[in-house]
N, C-alpha and C. Protein backbone atom coordinates (compact mmCIF):
# COMPACT_ATOMS: atom_id res chain seq x y z
N MET A 1 -33.32 -7.23 39.13
CA MET A 1 -33.50 -6.61 37.62
C MET A 1 -32.23 -6.06 37.26
N ASP A 2 -32.08 -6.04 35.95
CA ASP A 2 -30.97 -5.71 35.42
C ASP A 2 -31.28 -4.15 34.86
N SER A 3 -32.20 -3.86 34.23
CA SER A 3 -32.31 -2.87 33.64
C SER A 3 -33.29 -1.74 34.24
N ASP A 4 -33.34 -0.25 34.10
CA ASP A 4 -33.70 0.48 34.54
C ASP A 4 -34.95 0.93 33.97
N HIS A 5 -36.20 0.65 34.19
CA HIS A 5 -37.11 1.11 33.01
C HIS A 5 -37.76 2.76 33.28
N ARG A 6 -37.21 3.45 33.93
CA ARG A 6 -37.59 4.98 33.85
C ARG A 6 -37.73 5.67 32.83
N LYS A 7 -38.49 6.39 32.87
CA LYS A 7 -38.75 7.48 32.01
C LYS A 7 -37.73 8.37 31.71
N HIS A 8 -37.06 8.82 32.56
CA HIS A 8 -35.83 9.77 33.02
C HIS A 8 -34.79 9.53 33.42
N LYS A 9 -33.47 9.53 33.04
CA LYS A 9 -32.51 9.39 33.84
C LYS A 9 -32.26 9.98 35.02
N ARG A 10 -31.83 9.16 36.22
CA ARG A 10 -31.61 9.49 37.34
C ARG A 10 -30.26 10.20 37.74
N LEU A 11 -29.97 11.31 38.35
CA LEU A 11 -28.47 11.82 38.40
C LEU A 11 -28.52 11.93 40.06
N LYS A 12 -27.12 10.89 40.35
CA LYS A 12 -26.96 11.48 41.86
C LYS A 12 -26.70 12.93 42.21
N ALA A 13 -26.93 13.36 43.36
CA ALA A 13 -27.03 14.38 43.91
C ALA A 13 -25.41 14.53 44.51
N GLU A 14 -24.71 15.18 44.17
CA GLU A 14 -23.45 15.50 44.69
C GLU A 14 -23.40 16.75 45.61
N GLY A 15 -24.08 17.92 45.23
CA GLY A 15 -24.07 18.99 45.99
C GLY A 15 -25.03 19.23 46.94
N GLU A 16 -25.32 20.09 47.74
CA GLU A 16 -26.52 19.99 48.92
C GLU A 16 -27.53 20.72 48.48
N ILE A 17 -28.68 19.76 48.16
CA ILE A 17 -29.94 20.15 47.61
C ILE A 17 -31.01 19.10 48.59
N PHE A 18 -32.08 20.31 48.56
CA PHE A 18 -32.64 19.89 49.75
C PHE A 18 -34.34 19.72 49.17
N ALA A 19 -35.37 18.99 49.77
CA ALA A 19 -36.62 18.87 49.72
C ALA A 19 -37.29 19.13 50.93
N ALA A 20 -38.52 19.97 51.04
CA ALA A 20 -39.02 20.07 52.08
C ALA A 20 -40.61 20.13 51.74
N PHE A 21 -41.46 19.02 52.45
CA PHE A 21 -42.57 18.84 52.49
C PHE A 21 -43.31 19.18 53.12
N VAL A 22 -44.45 19.99 52.39
CA VAL A 22 -45.33 20.99 52.65
C VAL A 22 -46.51 20.60 53.00
N THR A 23 -47.15 20.10 53.90
CA THR A 23 -48.22 19.88 54.16
C THR A 23 -49.36 20.76 55.52
N PRO A 24 -50.26 21.24 54.90
CA PRO A 24 -51.18 21.87 56.02
C PRO A 24 -51.31 21.43 57.23
N ASN A 25 -51.09 22.10 58.34
CA ASN A 25 -51.17 22.14 59.76
C ASN A 25 -50.25 21.02 60.26
N GLU A 26 -49.19 20.68 59.41
CA GLU A 26 -48.38 19.64 59.74
C GLU A 26 -46.89 20.10 59.63
N PRO A 27 -46.04 19.74 61.05
CA PRO A 27 -44.57 20.10 60.85
C PRO A 27 -44.01 19.83 59.19
N ILE A 28 -43.19 21.08 58.89
CA ILE A 28 -42.29 20.73 57.71
C ILE A 28 -41.28 19.82 57.86
N ILE A 29 -41.14 18.90 56.90
CA ILE A 29 -40.26 17.91 57.08
C ILE A 29 -39.22 18.03 55.85
N VAL A 30 -37.81 18.47 56.23
CA VAL A 30 -36.70 18.51 55.36
C VAL A 30 -35.97 17.38 55.06
N GLY A 31 -35.48 16.90 53.99
CA GLY A 31 -34.58 15.99 53.76
C GLY A 31 -33.42 16.52 52.52
N ARG A 32 -32.49 15.85 52.73
CA ARG A 32 -31.67 15.61 51.57
C ARG A 32 -31.74 14.93 50.23
N ILE A 33 -32.09 15.34 49.05
CA ILE A 33 -32.22 14.47 48.15
C ILE A 33 -30.61 13.62 47.64
N LEU A 34 -31.25 12.77 47.52
CA LEU A 34 -30.00 11.70 47.32
C LEU A 34 -29.75 11.52 45.78
N ASP A 35 -30.89 11.35 44.86
CA ASP A 35 -31.03 11.40 43.27
C ASP A 35 -31.90 12.17 42.63
N LEU A 36 -31.96 12.80 41.45
CA LEU A 36 -33.09 13.47 40.84
C LEU A 36 -33.31 13.45 39.51
N SER A 37 -34.35 13.48 39.07
CA SER A 37 -34.42 13.17 37.40
C SER A 37 -35.90 14.10 37.18
N LEU A 38 -36.15 13.93 36.03
CA LEU A 38 -37.20 15.06 35.51
C LEU A 38 -38.42 14.51 36.12
N GLY A 39 -38.39 13.44 36.23
CA GLY A 39 -39.60 12.39 36.81
C GLY A 39 -40.01 12.58 38.37
N GLY A 40 -38.65 12.63 39.12
CA GLY A 40 -38.93 12.44 40.64
C GLY A 40 -37.43 12.34 41.71
N ALA A 41 -37.36 12.11 42.66
CA ALA A 41 -36.38 12.11 43.38
C ALA A 41 -36.69 11.26 44.42
N GLY A 42 -35.23 10.79 45.23
CA GLY A 42 -35.10 10.03 46.19
C GLY A 42 -34.76 10.98 47.10
N VAL A 43 -35.31 10.93 48.39
CA VAL A 43 -34.92 11.72 49.59
C VAL A 43 -34.96 11.17 50.98
N LYS A 44 -33.63 11.32 51.53
CA LYS A 44 -33.57 10.56 52.67
C LYS A 44 -33.71 11.89 54.23
N TYR A 45 -34.13 11.56 55.14
CA TYR A 45 -34.69 12.70 55.89
C TYR A 45 -34.47 11.88 57.69
N LEU A 46 -34.66 12.69 58.45
CA LEU A 46 -34.73 12.56 59.78
C LEU A 46 -36.60 12.71 60.30
N ALA A 47 -37.11 11.72 60.56
CA ALA A 47 -38.27 12.12 61.44
C ALA A 47 -38.54 11.16 62.70
N THR A 48 -39.80 11.47 63.14
CA THR A 48 -40.42 10.69 64.41
C THR A 48 -41.59 9.92 63.50
N MET A 49 -41.97 10.37 62.28
CA MET A 49 -43.27 9.74 61.96
C MET A 49 -42.67 9.43 60.23
N GLU A 50 -43.31 8.37 59.67
CA GLU A 50 -43.09 8.34 58.03
C GLU A 50 -43.95 9.61 57.39
N ILE A 51 -43.67 9.90 56.27
CA ILE A 51 -44.22 10.67 55.02
C ILE A 51 -45.45 9.44 54.55
N ARG A 52 -46.66 9.97 54.53
CA ARG A 52 -47.46 9.20 53.66
C ARG A 52 -47.41 8.98 52.52
N THR A 53 -47.96 7.64 51.83
CA THR A 53 -47.89 7.64 50.65
C THR A 53 -48.80 8.63 50.07
N GLY A 54 -48.63 8.95 48.37
CA GLY A 54 -49.99 9.50 48.03
C GLY A 54 -49.66 11.17 47.72
N PRO A 55 -50.23 12.03 47.30
CA PRO A 55 -50.24 13.14 46.95
C PRO A 55 -49.29 14.07 48.09
N ALA A 56 -48.74 14.65 47.53
CA ALA A 56 -47.77 15.76 48.72
C ALA A 56 -47.36 16.81 47.89
N SER A 57 -46.99 18.22 48.41
CA SER A 57 -46.49 19.29 48.03
C SER A 57 -45.52 19.44 48.42
N ILE A 58 -44.14 19.48 47.54
CA ILE A 58 -42.72 20.05 48.03
C ILE A 58 -42.08 20.82 47.72
N ASN A 59 -41.19 21.53 48.26
CA ASN A 59 -40.15 22.60 47.91
C ASN A 59 -38.89 21.89 47.58
N ILE A 60 -38.35 22.23 46.55
CA ILE A 60 -36.73 21.81 46.10
C ILE A 60 -35.85 22.96 46.56
N PHE A 61 -34.81 22.97 46.94
CA PHE A 61 -34.04 24.26 46.86
C PHE A 61 -32.60 23.62 46.97
N GLY A 62 -31.29 24.16 46.73
CA GLY A 62 -30.15 24.21 47.06
C GLY A 62 -29.45 25.28 47.93
N LEU A 63 -28.68 25.44 48.68
CA LEU A 63 -27.96 26.48 49.38
C LEU A 63 -27.42 27.67 48.63
N ASN A 64 -26.84 27.36 47.19
CA ASN A 64 -26.86 28.58 46.82
C ASN A 64 -27.30 28.48 45.07
N SER A 65 -28.29 28.48 45.16
CA SER A 65 -28.97 27.93 43.89
C SER A 65 -30.50 28.08 43.51
N HIS A 66 -30.99 27.64 42.44
CA HIS A 66 -32.54 28.14 41.96
C HIS A 66 -32.93 27.44 43.34
N HIS A 67 -34.51 27.84 43.24
CA HIS A 67 -35.24 26.90 44.47
C HIS A 67 -36.66 26.64 43.50
N MET A 68 -37.36 25.83 43.99
CA MET A 68 -38.71 25.42 43.23
C MET A 68 -39.78 25.27 44.76
N GLU A 69 -41.32 25.66 44.43
CA GLU A 69 -41.97 25.75 45.45
C GLU A 69 -43.42 24.98 45.10
N LEU A 70 -43.53 24.46 46.09
CA LEU A 70 -45.10 23.63 45.88
C LEU A 70 -45.20 22.76 44.82
N ILE A 71 -44.15 22.04 44.48
CA ILE A 71 -44.12 21.18 43.46
C ILE A 71 -45.38 19.84 43.54
N GLN A 72 -46.49 19.90 42.91
CA GLN A 72 -47.38 18.90 43.11
C GLN A 72 -46.69 17.38 42.93
N SER A 73 -46.56 16.46 43.91
CA SER A 73 -46.18 15.30 43.46
C SER A 73 -46.91 14.08 43.94
N THR A 74 -46.03 13.01 43.99
CA THR A 74 -46.67 11.85 44.61
C THR A 74 -45.58 11.27 45.21
N VAL A 75 -45.62 10.74 46.51
CA VAL A 75 -44.84 9.96 47.31
C VAL A 75 -45.18 8.59 47.12
N ILE A 76 -44.30 7.82 46.30
CA ILE A 76 -44.55 6.36 46.21
C ILE A 76 -44.43 5.46 47.09
N TYR A 77 -43.15 5.59 47.76
CA TYR A 77 -43.08 4.81 49.14
C TYR A 77 -42.19 5.54 50.10
N ASP A 78 -42.18 5.04 51.31
CA ASP A 78 -41.37 5.54 52.53
C ASP A 78 -41.00 4.58 53.21
N MET A 79 -39.80 4.55 53.79
CA MET A 79 -39.22 3.37 54.94
C MET A 79 -38.07 3.75 55.36
N GLU A 80 -37.86 3.23 56.71
CA GLU A 80 -37.15 3.43 57.34
C GLU A 80 -35.83 2.66 57.19
N ILE A 81 -34.42 3.39 57.18
CA ILE A 81 -33.36 2.82 57.03
C ILE A 81 -32.71 2.01 58.08
N ALA A 82 -32.78 1.06 58.48
CA ALA A 82 -32.44 0.49 59.92
C ALA A 82 -31.03 0.30 59.93
N GLY A 83 -30.31 -0.06 59.30
CA GLY A 83 -28.85 0.04 59.06
C GLY A 83 -28.37 1.64 59.50
N GLU A 84 -28.97 2.59 59.58
CA GLU A 84 -28.90 4.10 59.75
C GLU A 84 -29.38 4.53 61.01
N SER A 85 -30.67 4.18 61.30
CA SER A 85 -31.39 4.59 62.10
C SER A 85 -30.90 4.00 63.47
N TRP A 86 -30.95 4.96 64.82
CA TRP A 86 -30.45 4.46 66.33
C TRP A 86 -31.72 4.65 67.18
N SER A 87 -32.71 5.35 66.89
CA SER A 87 -33.71 5.47 67.70
C SER A 87 -34.97 6.46 67.16
N ILE A 88 -35.65 7.61 67.74
CA ILE A 88 -36.38 8.60 67.25
C ILE A 88 -35.68 9.59 67.43
N PRO A 89 -35.45 10.58 66.35
CA PRO A 89 -36.15 10.34 64.97
C PRO A 89 -35.49 9.24 64.29
N ALA A 90 -35.99 8.63 63.33
CA ALA A 90 -35.38 7.64 62.57
C ALA A 90 -34.86 8.29 61.11
N VAL A 91 -34.15 7.32 60.63
CA VAL A 91 -33.63 7.95 59.34
C VAL A 91 -34.44 7.27 58.56
N ARG A 92 -34.91 8.11 57.45
CA ARG A 92 -35.89 7.41 56.65
C ARG A 92 -35.78 7.54 54.99
N ARG A 93 -36.14 7.10 54.15
CA ARG A 93 -35.97 7.28 52.54
C ARG A 93 -37.35 7.49 51.76
N CYS A 94 -37.39 8.29 51.13
CA CYS A 94 -38.91 8.42 50.20
C CYS A 94 -38.42 8.00 48.66
N GLY A 95 -39.56 7.83 47.93
CA GLY A 95 -39.27 7.98 46.52
C GLY A 95 -40.28 8.82 46.36
N ILE A 96 -40.42 10.11 45.11
CA ILE A 96 -41.10 10.82 45.06
C ILE A 96 -41.33 11.05 43.34
N LYS A 97 -42.58 10.98 42.92
CA LYS A 97 -42.98 11.02 41.62
C LYS A 97 -43.60 12.21 41.34
N PHE A 98 -42.82 13.41 40.42
CA PHE A 98 -43.50 14.88 40.24
C PHE A 98 -44.60 14.53 39.04
N GLY A 99 -45.55 15.78 39.58
CA GLY A 99 -46.37 15.69 38.92
C GLY A 99 -46.04 16.68 37.33
N ARG A 100 -46.93 16.74 36.62
CA ARG A 100 -46.73 17.79 35.62
C ARG A 100 -46.17 19.24 35.58
N PHE A 101 -45.26 19.22 35.06
CA PHE A 101 -44.43 21.01 35.06
C PHE A 101 -44.95 21.61 33.91
N GLY A 102 -45.16 22.48 34.08
CA GLY A 102 -45.29 23.27 32.64
C GLY A 102 -43.65 23.58 32.45
N SER A 103 -43.88 24.47 30.80
CA SER A 103 -42.42 24.60 30.00
C SER A 103 -41.31 25.49 31.27
N LYS A 104 -41.85 26.24 32.07
CA LYS A 104 -41.42 26.90 32.94
C LYS A 104 -40.54 26.28 34.15
N GLY A 105 -41.42 25.57 34.40
CA GLY A 105 -41.23 24.62 35.77
C GLY A 105 -40.31 23.34 35.33
N ARG A 106 -40.37 22.88 34.32
CA ARG A 106 -39.21 22.08 33.44
C ARG A 106 -37.89 22.57 33.37
N THR A 107 -37.89 23.63 33.03
CA THR A 107 -36.71 24.54 32.62
C THR A 107 -36.10 24.89 34.00
N LYS A 108 -36.76 25.19 34.73
CA LYS A 108 -36.06 25.63 36.20
C LYS A 108 -35.61 24.40 36.76
N LEU A 109 -36.59 23.12 36.98
CA LEU A 109 -35.83 21.97 37.31
C LEU A 109 -34.62 21.58 36.65
N LYS A 110 -34.57 21.78 35.17
CA LYS A 110 -33.39 21.57 34.62
C LYS A 110 -32.04 22.27 34.86
N GLU A 111 -32.41 23.59 35.25
CA GLU A 111 -31.22 24.65 35.71
C GLU A 111 -30.89 24.19 36.99
N LEU A 112 -31.67 23.83 38.19
CA LEU A 112 -31.54 23.53 39.24
C LEU A 112 -30.62 22.21 39.00
N MET A 113 -31.16 21.29 38.12
CA MET A 113 -30.13 19.73 38.34
C MET A 113 -28.78 20.32 37.65
N GLY A 114 -28.91 21.24 36.91
CA GLY A 114 -27.58 21.37 36.13
C GLY A 114 -26.37 21.82 37.17
N THR A 115 -26.93 22.69 38.07
CA THR A 115 -25.88 23.57 39.06
C THR A 115 -25.71 22.57 40.35
N GLN A 116 -26.50 21.41 40.32
CA GLN A 116 -26.34 20.59 41.88
C GLN A 116 -26.51 19.32 41.88
N LEU A 117 -26.34 18.68 40.70
CA LEU A 117 -25.85 17.34 40.42
C LEU A 117 -24.50 17.27 39.57
N GLY A 118 -24.46 16.06 40.07
CA GLY A 118 -22.53 15.73 39.46
C GLY A 118 -22.66 14.90 38.07
N GLY A 119 -23.62 14.41 37.75
CA GLY A 119 -23.87 13.83 36.59
C GLY A 119 -23.82 12.39 36.42
N LYS A 120 -23.67 11.75 37.59
CA LYS A 120 -23.35 10.36 37.63
C LYS A 120 -25.09 9.72 37.49
N GLN A 121 -25.34 8.79 36.86
CA GLN A 121 -26.68 8.41 36.51
C GLN A 121 -26.47 7.25 37.71
N VAL A 122 -27.72 7.25 38.07
CA VAL A 122 -28.15 6.21 39.31
C VAL A 122 -29.11 5.37 38.74
N GLY A 123 -28.90 3.97 39.00
CA GLY A 123 -29.71 2.88 38.41
C GLY A 123 -30.12 2.09 39.53
N VAL A 124 -31.30 0.98 39.39
CA VAL A 124 -31.94 0.10 40.21
C VAL A 124 -30.90 -0.38 41.07
N LYS A 125 -29.82 -0.82 40.38
CA LYS A 125 -28.52 -1.75 40.69
C LYS A 125 -27.80 -0.88 41.87
N SER A 126 -27.35 0.06 41.56
CA SER A 126 -26.53 0.83 42.63
C SER A 126 -27.12 1.43 43.60
N GLN A 127 -28.65 1.70 43.77
CA GLN A 127 -29.46 2.01 44.50
C GLN A 127 -30.01 1.20 45.43
N GLY A 128 -30.56 0.03 44.59
CA GLY A 128 -31.37 -0.80 45.45
C GLY A 128 -32.77 -0.68 45.35
N ILE A 129 -33.33 0.73 45.19
CA ILE A 129 -34.74 1.04 45.34
C ILE A 129 -34.87 1.71 44.32
N GLY A 130 -36.26 1.31 43.69
CA GLY A 130 -36.65 2.60 42.45
C GLY A 130 -37.06 3.74 43.07
N VAL A 131 -36.53 4.82 42.52
CA VAL A 131 -36.74 6.24 42.92
C VAL A 131 -36.71 7.17 41.59
N GLY A 132 -38.07 7.82 41.71
CA GLY A 132 -38.04 9.04 40.45
C GLY A 132 -38.50 8.22 39.08
N GLN A 133 -39.44 8.59 38.47
CA GLN A 133 -39.97 8.12 37.59
C GLN A 133 -39.16 8.64 36.33
């Protein structure tokens, strides 16, 4: 596919920005955000198990920047990156679609994106996998 039909432009993360998957009664999984938009994100992480597709609650944070807590989201896909995995834990990648934000949440996400992203647009061709709606 040559065109990206996403609603929001995705930007490649150049700074250190992370997502933490918070699930009751399960270990927190933290991964590095690869790309981010107002609609979703692509996350790379190490784990012994995959993140289940479906509803998820995540925190997004940078080392020296804004943070957002308990963002209601949906995990669209989760897969092992075979070329980067060596054993257990495996290197994995997942795609997240954000739920609705209030105006404050949307503003906070825009601020976080402004401080942590390099402004390079990421498309389906350059990443190979669709992430973030």
